[in-house]
Protein backbone atom coordinates (compact mmCIF):
# COMPACT_ATOMS: atom_id res chain seq x y z
CA MET A 1 0.00 0.00 0.00
CA SER A 2 1.33 3.44 -0.92
CA VAL A 3 1.52 6.23 1.63
CA ASP A 4 0.38 9.77 0.95
CA PRO A 5 3.60 11.84 0.51
CA GLU A 6 2.54 14.46 3.04
CA VAL A 7 1.62 11.85 5.64
CA ARG A 8 4.97 10.18 5.03
CA ARG A 9 6.84 13.46 5.47
CA LEU A 10 4.97 14.35 8.67
CA ALA A 11 5.41 10.89 10.18
CA LEU A 12 9.14 10.85 9.39
CA SER A 13 9.55 14.35 10.78
CA CYS A 14 8.52 13.03 14.23
CA MET A 15 11.26 10.37 14.18
CA LEU A 16 14.81 10.67 15.59
CA LEU A 17 16.73 7.59 14.48
CA GLY A 18 20.01 6.11 15.62
CA TYR A 19 22.29 3.74 13.78
CA ALA A 20 25.01 1.18 14.52
CA GLY A 21 28.73 1.78 14.20
CA PRO A 22 30.99 4.59 13.01
CA VAL A 23 29.72 4.80 9.39
CA PRO A 24 26.23 6.22 8.79
CA PRO A 25 24.25 3.81 6.57
CA PRO A 26 22.84 4.85 3.18
CA TRP A 27 19.26 4.26 4.33
CA LEU A 28 19.68 7.00 6.97
CA PHE A 29 20.68 9.59 4.39
CA GLY A 30 17.71 8.52 2.27
CA ALA A 31 15.39 8.98 5.24
CA LEU A 32 16.80 12.45 5.90
CA GLN A 33 16.11 13.43 2.30
CA ALA A 34 12.55 12.12 2.70
CA GLY A 35 11.85 14.25 5.77
CA LEU A 36 13.33 12.43 8.82
CA GLY A 37 13.23 14.73 11.84
CA GLY A 38 16.74 14.01 13.01
CA VAL A 39 19.44 11.67 14.25
CA VAL A 40 20.41 10.39 17.69
CA LEU A 41 24.16 9.87 18.17
CA PHE A 42 25.91 7.38 20.43
CA GLY A 43 29.49 6.70 21.42
CA SER A 44 29.81 3.99 18.78
CA ASN A 45 29.00 6.62 16.14
CA VAL A 46 31.38 9.41 17.19
CA GLY A 47 34.63 7.65 18.14
CA ASP A 48 36.90 10.00 20.07
CA GLY A 49 34.48 12.89 19.51
CA SER A 50 36.92 14.99 17.50
CA ARG A 51 34.99 14.92 14.20
CA VAL A 52 31.38 15.20 15.30
CA LEU A 53 30.84 18.54 13.57
CA GLU A 54 31.91 16.99 10.28
CA LEU A 55 29.36 14.22 10.85
CA THR A 56 26.49 16.52 11.81
CA ASP A 57 27.24 18.76 8.83
CA ARG A 58 26.89 15.71 6.57
CA PHE A 59 23.48 14.95 8.03
CA ARG A 60 22.28 18.54 7.56
CA SER A 61 23.61 18.63 4.02
CA ALA A 62 21.75 15.42 3.19
CA ALA A 63 18.52 16.77 4.66
CA GLY A 64 18.87 20.19 3.07
CA ARG A 65 17.35 21.82 6.15
CA ASP A 66 17.71 22.14 9.91
CA ILE A 67 17.32 18.80 11.67
CA VAL A 68 17.47 17.61 15.27
CA ILE A 69 20.85 16.20 16.29
CA ALA A 70 20.49 14.59 19.71
CA LEU A 71 22.62 12.62 22.15
CA ASP A 72 22.89 11.80 25.86
CA GLU A 73 25.68 13.87 27.41
CA GLU A 74 24.85 13.68 31.10
CA GLY A 75 28.45 13.83 32.31
CA GLY A 76 29.85 11.25 34.69
CA ASP A 77 28.90 7.69 33.82
CA VAL A 78 26.81 8.60 30.75
CA THR A 79 28.75 10.33 28.00
CA ARG A 80 28.84 10.18 24.22
CA LEU A 81 31.57 12.67 23.29
CA ASP A 82 34.01 11.11 25.77
CA THR A 83 33.28 7.41 25.42
CA VAL A 84 36.89 6.53 24.63
CA ARG A 85 38.40 8.45 27.57
CA GLY A 86 35.68 8.98 30.17
CA SER A 87 33.64 12.10 30.80
CA SER A 88 35.38 15.41 31.30
CA SER A 89 32.59 16.41 33.71
CA PRO A 90 31.54 14.99 37.09
CA GLY A 91 28.19 13.25 37.03
CA ALA A 92 24.93 14.36 38.60
CA ALA A 93 25.38 12.51 41.90
CA ALA A 94 28.80 14.11 42.46
CA LEU A 95 27.47 17.59 41.67
CA GLY A 96 24.42 17.03 43.84
CA ARG A 97 26.65 16.11 46.78
CA LEU A 98 28.80 19.20 46.18
CA GLY A 99 25.69 21.32 46.48
CA GLU A 100 27.01 24.34 44.56
CA ILE A 101 24.11 25.29 42.34
CA ALA A 102 26.21 27.79 40.41
CA ALA A 103 28.81 25.07 39.71
CA THR A 104 26.14 22.71 38.39
CA GLU A 105 24.90 25.41 36.03
CA GLU A 106 28.41 26.24 34.85
CA VAL A 107 29.40 22.60 34.30
CA HIS A 108 26.32 22.13 32.15
CA ALA A 109 26.99 25.36 30.29
CA GLY A 110 30.39 23.88 29.48
CA ILE A 111 28.76 20.67 28.27
CA GLY A 112 26.37 22.74 26.17
CA ALA A 113 29.21 24.71 24.61
CA ARG A 114 30.94 21.49 23.53
CA LEU A 115 27.72 20.14 22.05
CA ALA A 116 26.97 23.35 20.20
CA ALA A 117 30.47 23.36 18.72
CA ALA A 118 29.83 19.80 17.52
CA GLY A 119 26.60 20.74 15.75
CA VAL A 120 24.30 19.09 18.29
CA THR A 121 20.94 20.75 19.02
CA LEU A 122 19.37 18.53 21.73
CA ASN A 123 20.93 17.03 24.86
CA LEU A 124 18.84 14.18 26.27
CA ALA A 125 19.67 15.37 29.78
CA PRO A 126 19.54 16.15 32.66
CA VAL A 127 18.11 13.26 34.67
CA ALA A 128 15.34 14.57 36.92
CA ASP A 129 14.70 11.28 38.72
CA VAL A 130 15.00 11.16 42.51
CA ASN A 131 17.01 8.01 43.26
CA LEU A 132 15.02 6.66 46.19
CA ASP A 133 16.13 3.04 45.90
CA PRO A 134 19.86 2.18 46.19
CA LEU A 135 19.09 -1.05 44.31
CA ASN A 136 17.81 0.89 41.29
CA PRO A 137 19.70 -0.66 38.35
CA VAL A 138 19.37 2.15 35.84
CA ILE A 139 19.38 5.57 37.60
CA GLY A 140 21.80 5.59 40.54
CA LEU A 141 24.66 8.03 39.96
CA ARG A 142 22.77 9.61 37.09
CA ALA A 143 20.50 11.33 39.65
CA PHE A 144 21.46 14.46 41.54
CA GLY A 145 20.39 12.80 44.79
CA ASP A 146 17.67 11.16 46.81
CA GLU A 147 15.99 14.32 48.12
CA PRO A 148 13.45 16.01 45.82
CA ASP A 149 14.33 19.56 46.80
CA VAL A 150 18.04 19.00 46.13
CA VAL A 151 17.37 17.29 42.82
CA ALA A 152 14.96 20.05 41.79
CA GLU A 153 17.53 22.81 42.37
CA HIS A 154 20.21 21.04 40.36
CA VAL A 155 17.88 20.06 37.52
CA ALA A 156 16.87 23.70 37.10
CA ALA A 157 20.54 24.75 37.16
CA ALA A 158 21.48 22.13 34.56
CA VAL A 159 18.65 23.29 32.30
CA ARG A 160 19.77 26.91 32.59
CA GLY A 161 23.37 25.99 31.83
CA LEU A 162 22.65 23.88 28.77
CA GLN A 163 20.16 26.29 27.27
CA ARG A 164 22.42 29.27 27.96
CA SER A 165 24.75 27.62 25.46
CA GLY A 166 21.94 27.23 22.94
CA ILE A 167 21.38 23.51 23.51
CA ALA A 168 17.84 22.26 24.16
CA ALA A 169 17.65 20.42 27.48
CA CYS A 170 15.48 17.33 27.92
CA ILE A 171 14.54 16.46 31.49
CA LYS A 172 13.91 12.75 32.01
CA HIS A 173 12.41 10.14 32.76
CA PHE A 174 8.91 11.51 33.40
CA PRO A 175 7.12 10.96 35.74
CA GLY A 176 10.12 9.44 37.60
CA HIS A 177 12.31 6.33 37.38
CA GLY A 178 14.08 6.61 40.74
CA ALA A 179 11.89 4.35 42.88
CA THR A 180 12.00 1.34 40.55
CA ARG A 181 14.04 -1.86 40.69
CA SER A 182 13.64 -2.66 37.01
CA ASP A 183 15.54 -1.32 34.03
CA SER A 184 13.13 -0.39 31.25
CA HIS A 185 15.84 -1.30 28.73
CA HIS A 186 15.12 -4.92 29.69
CA GLU A 187 11.56 -5.00 31.08
CA LEU A 188 8.59 -2.82 31.92
CA ALA A 189 9.41 -0.88 35.06
CA VAL A 190 6.62 -0.24 37.55
CA LEU A 191 6.57 2.97 39.59
CA ASP A 192 4.40 1.82 42.47
CA ARG A 193 3.84 5.17 44.17
CA SER A 194 0.69 6.89 45.40
CA ARG A 195 -0.41 10.18 43.85
CA PRO A 196 0.54 12.11 47.03
CA GLU A 197 3.98 10.51 46.93
CA LEU A 198 4.40 11.45 43.28
CA ASP A 199 3.36 15.02 44.01
CA SER A 200 5.81 15.41 46.89
CA VAL A 201 8.82 13.46 45.59
CA GLU A 202 8.89 12.52 41.89
CA LEU A 203 7.27 15.59 40.35
CA PRO A 204 9.07 18.56 42.02
CA PRO A 205 12.25 18.19 39.91
CA PHE A 206 10.17 18.13 36.73
CA ARG A 207 8.24 21.17 37.88
CA ALA A 208 11.55 22.95 38.56
CA GLY A 209 12.96 22.01 35.15
CA ILE A 210 9.82 23.21 33.40
CA ALA A 211 9.90 26.46 35.38
CA ALA A 212 13.55 26.90 34.31
CA GLY A 213 12.40 26.74 30.68
CA ALA A 214 13.31 23.19 29.67
CA ARG A 215 12.54 22.88 25.98
CA SER A 216 11.77 19.17 26.11
CA VAL A 217 10.75 16.37 28.47
CA MET A 218 11.39 12.65 27.97
CA ILE A 219 8.71 10.17 28.97
CA GLY A 220 9.95 6.95 30.56
CA HIS A 221 8.67 3.50 29.64
CA LEU A 222 7.04 3.17 33.05
CA LEU A 223 3.79 1.78 34.35
CA VAL A 224 2.48 4.15 37.01
CA PRO A 225 -0.74 2.62 38.41
CA ALA A 226 -1.63 5.72 40.44
CA LEU A 227 -1.86 7.66 37.17
CA ASP A 228 -2.92 5.01 34.65
CA GLN A 229 -3.52 1.39 35.58
CA GLN A 230 -3.63 0.12 32.02
CA ARG A 231 -1.11 2.02 29.89
CA MET A 232 2.57 2.70 30.38
CA ALA A 233 3.45 6.38 30.48
CA THR A 234 4.74 6.41 26.89
CA VAL A 235 1.28 5.66 25.49
CA SER A 236 -0.87 7.17 28.25
CA PRO A 237 -2.91 10.28 27.41
CA ALA A 238 -3.59 10.69 31.12
CA ILE A 239 0.14 11.03 31.86
CA VAL A 240 1.47 12.78 28.74
CA THR A 241 -1.40 15.15 28.08
CA GLY A 242 -3.37 15.16 31.31
CA LEU A 243 -0.50 15.41 33.82
CA LEU A 244 2.48 16.83 31.93
CA ARG A 245 0.66 19.21 29.60
CA ASP A 246 -2.50 20.18 31.48
CA GLU A 247 -1.46 19.99 35.15
CA LEU A 248 2.22 20.89 34.95
CA GLY A 249 1.72 23.34 32.10
CA PHE A 250 4.53 22.08 29.88
CA GLU A 251 4.39 23.65 26.40
CA GLY A 252 7.61 22.33 24.85
CA THR A 253 8.43 19.14 22.96
CA VAL A 254 7.68 15.75 24.49
CA VAL A 255 10.22 13.06 23.58
CA SER A 256 9.97 9.29 23.98
CA ASP A 257 12.64 7.03 25.38
CA ALA A 258 14.12 4.61 22.83
CA LEU A 259 11.45 2.64 20.98
CA GLU A 260 13.41 -0.63 20.96
CA MET A 261 13.64 -0.84 24.75
CA THR A 262 12.01 -4.06 25.87
CA ALA A 263 9.43 -2.26 28.01
CA LEU A 264 7.85 -0.99 24.78
CA ALA A 265 9.14 -3.17 21.95
CA GLY A 266 8.53 -6.36 23.89
CA THR A 267 4.94 -5.46 24.76
CA ILE A 268 3.21 -3.12 22.31
CA GLY A 269 5.84 -3.23 19.59
CA MET A 270 7.84 -0.40 18.05
CA VAL A 271 5.47 0.51 15.23
CA GLU A 272 2.22 0.34 17.20
CA GLY A 273 4.00 1.96 20.14
CA PHE A 274 4.93 4.89 17.89
CA VAL A 275 1.30 5.39 16.86
CA GLN A 276 -0.07 5.08 20.39
CA ALA A 277 2.57 7.48 21.71
CA LEU A 278 1.62 10.09 19.11
CA ILE A 279 -2.03 9.72 20.10
CA ALA A 280 -1.08 10.09 23.79
CA GLY A 281 0.69 13.39 23.07
CA ILE A 282 4.36 12.55 22.48
CA ASP A 283 5.92 14.58 19.67
CA ALA A 284 9.36 13.13 18.90
CA LEU A 285 10.13 9.41 19.08
CA GLU A 286 13.67 8.05 19.06
CA THR A 287 15.61 4.84 18.63
CA GLY A 288 18.95 3.72 20.04
CA ALA A 289 22.28 2.72 18.49
CA GLN A 290 20.85 0.09 16.14
CA ASP A 291 19.79 0.05 12.52
CA TYR A 292 16.03 0.00 11.96
CA PRO A 293 15.61 0.87 8.26
CA TYR A 294 12.25 -0.89 8.10
CA LEU A 295 10.77 1.76 10.40
CA VAL A 296 11.21 4.34 7.64
CA GLU A 297 8.47 2.55 5.69
CA ALA A 298 6.50 0.79 8.43
CA ILE A 299 5.82 3.80 10.63
CA PRO A 300 4.41 6.15 7.94
CA LEU A 301 2.16 3.30 6.80
CA ALA A 302 0.93 2.70 10.36
CA VAL A 303 0.37 6.44 10.85
CA GLN A 304 -1.68 6.59 7.67
CA ASP A 305 -3.81 3.66 8.84
CA ALA A 306 -4.35 5.41 12.19
CA LEU A 307 -5.43 8.59 10.40
CA ARG A 308 -7.88 6.72 8.20
CA SER A 309 -9.40 4.83 11.14
CA GLY A 310 -9.77 8.03 13.17
CA ARG A 311 -7.48 6.87 16.01
CA LEU A 312 -5.05 9.71 15.18
CA THR A 313 -6.01 13.16 13.95
CA GLU A 314 -4.16 15.14 11.32
CA ALA A 315 -4.00 18.09 13.71
CA ARG A 316 -2.16 15.96 16.30
CA LEU A 317 0.32 14.72 13.70
CA VAL A 318 1.01 18.23 12.41
CA GLN A 319 1.39 19.50 15.96
CA ALA A 320 3.92 16.77 16.81
CA ALA A 321 5.95 17.50 13.68
CA GLU A 322 6.03 21.23 14.44
CA ARG A 323 7.10 20.67 18.03
CA THR A 324 9.87 18.27 16.94
CA ALA A 325 11.16 20.85 14.47
CA ARG A 326 11.55 23.37 17.30
CA LEU A 327 14.50 21.28 18.55
CA ALA A 328 16.35 21.57 15.23
CA VAL A 329 17.58 25.12 15.68
CA ALA A 330 21.37 25.31 15.42
CA ALA A 331 23.06 26.54 18.60
CA ASP A 332 25.62 29.25 19.31
CA SER A 333 28.64 27.86 21.19
CA ARG A 334 30.08 31.25 22.15
CA SER A 335 28.34 31.55 25.53
CA PRO A 336 30.91 32.79 28.08
CA LEU A 337 31.92 30.32 30.79
CA ASP A 338 33.11 31.00 34.32
CA HIS A 339 36.22 28.81 34.12
CA ALA A 340 37.27 29.75 37.65
CA LEU A 341 34.05 28.27 39.00
CA ILE A 342 34.54 25.03 37.07
CA GLU A 343 38.23 24.71 37.98
CA GLY A 344 38.78 22.00 40.57
CA VAL A 345 35.08 21.10 40.72
CA ALA A 346 35.84 17.36 40.71
CA SER A 347 38.00 17.52 43.82
CA ARG A 348 35.34 19.55 45.61
CA CYS A 349 32.80 16.81 44.88
CA LEU A 350 34.62 14.19 46.96
CA GLU A 351 33.47 13.19 50.43
CA LEU A 352 35.78 11.78 53.11
CA ARG A 353 34.64 9.88 56.18
CA GLY A 354 37.38 9.22 58.74
CA SER A 355 41.11 9.93 58.62
CA LEU A 356 43.19 8.56 55.79
CA PRO A 357 46.41 6.66 56.57
CA VAL A 358 49.64 7.41 54.71
CA LEU A 359 49.73 4.82 51.96
CA ARG A 360 52.88 2.73 51.64
CA ARG A 361 53.33 0.26 48.77
CA PRO A 362 49.55 -0.06 48.49
CA LEU A 363 47.68 -3.08 47.21
CA VAL A 364 44.82 -1.50 45.24
CA ILE A 365 41.78 -3.67 44.48
CA GLU A 366 39.26 -2.37 41.93
CA SER A 367 35.79 -3.90 41.86
CA ARG A 368 34.64 -4.15 38.26
CA THR A 369 30.94 -4.41 37.45
CA GLN A 370 28.97 -4.83 34.24
CA PRO A 371 28.22 -1.46 32.62
CA GLY A 372 24.62 -0.33 32.34
CA MET A 373 22.80 -0.03 29.04
CA ALA A 374 22.66 3.75 29.34
CA SER A 375 26.38 4.18 29.97
CA GLY A 376 28.03 1.37 28.05
CA GLU A 377 31.66 0.43 28.67
CA LEU A 378 33.83 3.32 29.82
CA PRO A 379 37.58 3.40 30.54
CA TRP A 380 38.47 4.05 34.17
CA SER A 381 41.11 3.06 36.72
CA LEU A 382 42.08 4.31 40.13
CA ILE A 383 45.16 2.07 39.88
CA ASP A 384 46.36 3.97 36.81
CA GLU A 385 45.79 7.29 38.55
CA LEU A 386 47.69 6.22 41.69
CA THR A 387 50.67 4.64 39.96
CA PRO A 388 52.53 7.88 39.10
CA LEU A 389 51.94 9.22 42.61
CA ILE A 390 52.80 6.40 45.04
CA ALA A 391 55.79 4.06 45.19
CA ASP A 392 55.35 0.35 44.40
CA VAL A 393 51.62 0.16 43.64
CA GLU A 394 50.27 -3.35 43.12
CA GLY A 395 46.95 -3.43 41.29
CA LEU A 396 44.28 -6.10 41.24
CA ARG A 397 41.02 -5.99 39.32
CA ALA A 398 38.14 -8.15 40.50
CA ASP A 399 34.85 -8.79 38.73
CA GLY A 400 33.44 -11.36 41.16
CA PRO A 401 34.02 -13.13 44.49
CA VAL A 402 37.65 -13.18 45.61
CA ASP A 403 39.84 -15.19 47.98
CA CYS A 404 40.03 -12.80 50.92
CA ALA A 405 42.60 -14.87 52.81
CA GLU A 406 44.91 -14.68 49.80
CA LEU A 407 44.35 -10.94 49.50
CA LEU A 408 45.24 -10.42 53.17
CA ARG A 409 48.41 -12.38 52.63
CA ARG A 410 49.33 -10.25 49.62
CA ALA A 411 48.57 -7.07 51.58
CA GLU A 412 51.06 -7.92 54.36
CA GLY A 413 53.52 -5.05 54.69
CA ARG A 414 51.39 -2.93 52.38
CA SER A 415 48.57 -0.46 52.71
CA LEU A 416 45.22 -1.65 51.31
CA VAL A 417 42.91 0.35 49.06
CA VAL A 418 39.59 -1.25 48.07
CA LEU A 419 37.40 0.42 45.45
CA VAL A 420 33.77 -0.70 45.47
CA ARG A 421 30.89 0.10 43.15
CA ASP A 422 27.33 -0.49 44.32
CA PRO A 423 27.89 -3.30 46.86
CA GLU A 424 24.19 -3.11 47.73
CA ARG A 425 23.54 -4.79 44.38
CA GLU A 426 26.93 -6.43 43.78
CA THR A 427 26.92 -8.26 47.09
CA TRP A 428 30.23 -10.05 46.47
CA GLN A 429 31.91 -6.71 47.18
CA ARG A 430 30.73 -6.92 50.81
CA GLU A 431 33.54 -9.40 51.50
CA LEU A 432 36.03 -6.81 50.30
CA ILE A 433 34.53 -4.19 52.60
CA ASP A 434 34.76 -6.61 55.55
CA LEU A 435 38.33 -7.40 54.53
CA THR A 436 39.39 -3.80 55.17
CA ALA A 437 38.37 -4.15 58.83
CA GLN A 438 41.07 -6.81 59.21
CA HIS A 439 43.86 -4.61 57.87
CA PRO A 440 45.65 -1.93 59.93
CA ALA A 441 46.08 0.59 57.07
CA ALA A 442 43.11 0.27 54.75
CA VAL A 443 40.93 2.70 52.80
CA ILE A 444 37.63 2.17 51.00
CA VAL A 445 36.98 4.19 47.85
CA ASP A 446 33.26 4.13 47.14
CA ALA A 447 32.83 5.00 43.45
CA GLY A 448 29.15 4.08 43.14
CA TRP A 449 25.91 5.20 44.70
CA PRO A 450 26.88 5.72 48.39
CA ALA A 451 26.79 2.35 50.10
CA SER A 452 25.93 1.55 53.70
CA ILE A 453 29.40 0.80 55.12
CA GLU A 454 29.46 -0.23 58.76
CA VAL A 455 33.16 -0.99 59.23
CA ALA A 456 35.38 1.67 60.82
CA THR A 457 37.65 1.88 57.77
CA PRO A 458 37.95 5.41 56.34
CA VAL A 459 35.82 5.92 53.23
CA LEU A 460 36.50 8.26 50.31
CA ARG A 461 33.41 8.69 48.13
CA THR A 462 33.71 9.85 44.53
CA ARG A 463 30.16 9.14 43.33
CA GLY A 464 31.41 8.19 39.89
CA ILE A 465 34.31 7.03 37.74
CA ALA A 466 34.85 10.13 35.63
CA PRO A 467 38.61 10.64 35.21
CA GLY A 468 38.56 13.93 37.09
CA LEU A 469 36.93 12.32 40.13
CA LEU A 470 39.38 9.41 40.21
CA ARG A 471 42.33 11.71 39.63
CA ALA A 472 41.21 13.87 42.55
CA ALA A 473 40.78 10.76 44.71
CA ALA A 474 44.27 9.58 43.80
CA ALA A 475 45.74 12.95 44.73
CA ILE A 476 44.06 12.86 48.14
CA LEU A 477 45.23 9.29 48.77
CA ALA A 478 48.78 9.89 47.58
CA GLU A 479 49.64 13.01 49.52
CA GLN A 480 53.44 13.36 49.04
CA SER A 481 54.39 9.81 48.01
CA ALA A 482 56.93 9.30 45.23
CA PRO A 483 56.01 7.90 41.79
CA ARG A 484 56.81 4.33 40.77
CA ARG A 485 55.99 1.82 38.05
CA LEU A 486 52.72 -0.19 38.17
CA GLU A 487 52.79 -3.94 38.74
CA MET A 488 49.50 -5.28 37.39
CA ASP A 489 47.84 -8.60 38.17
CA SER A 490 44.27 -9.83 38.04
CA VAL A 491 41.87 -11.93 40.08
């Protein structure tokens, strides 16, 4: 069946598509010529980030018009420009702990300036979720904290910073992903909160971001029974139009989370999910770092069928296309930055509990965990940061249960540094925490969401693995020790 050319153009203009690998596929350029609304970039597409402007210029040239160029540059554990080296900015949890609202704004203005210089128009950030559950597998360090008032202040600051640099901010994941124990990349996440709880905890950061002028809001693939018992937020008119538009007064562009996430693709399906999301009030719908060329034909056809059956109105489709196009305006990267305010921000983010010992010939154990879907694999190492600063570092990297008796033997005559990441979820790390209590000169470096640590060992919290945070931690641990060569082993 053929699709009316105007329907095809309008349907494509509401789509923001990703692709796999470093070379854009021919079908993507064809879609841009046919009216595709824009492209979502990922680390696998941009390499070391040095030639992104060349890439985005190619997309605009193919389209022959302004298009949306989007990516997730949250800082910290979720970065796209710095995938090969780790983010140049502390993440949200570190900035939230620091508590300097002006610093959060300036850091995000710096992120915005980099994105604008790369030809990006939309940053799918900041995260406005309140991380209420330490076992949350998908938010964690991406949140500014676990207190709604704190998160709200920092979300508003991040929005101001990004948009001061000309980049559209997108606050996410509405109406809140922080109290869930499921990752919507893999399954439908349920936000089992009462309406009063939502009003007092989940919604304040979104209200603050909207008040700060956020140009877009991302809807999470979440089932929120207190708001809609039948439909997930992505396809719920009650949540997208009734709550976000009518109650909260949001007038910008509503964006979906990735269509291929199992919460949607594994239930409704990508094509039908697209149609139902448009009907619910979402304007721009995106995909992740995979190739989905069939959507370029399947979605316009499904949209046409929905128009003919009366499920979707032409006015709603036109409205969605117009709102998506608002995010295609090229940005100006010349916004002045307060470099003095940003200088040293990573070291100010650190938190120390207890008194650190002087480290001598330290045995450094790094706990390695599987990267999340949102972050992907990032390079990081406290061992590498410590090696030039302290004599005779021995480094061990662990990705599962270890022989603690053997580690104690190897730590004889040495100091002991144990880096943990989310031991509440990765329970094998608890043995390493307990191990430090048996050593006379031990330190715990907590690089994840702050864990409950009951031993008396001093704890240095970084709230992330961004190079600046680990470098600052290494400097604090090293004090005036002399540099030596690394001896690396593995367990």
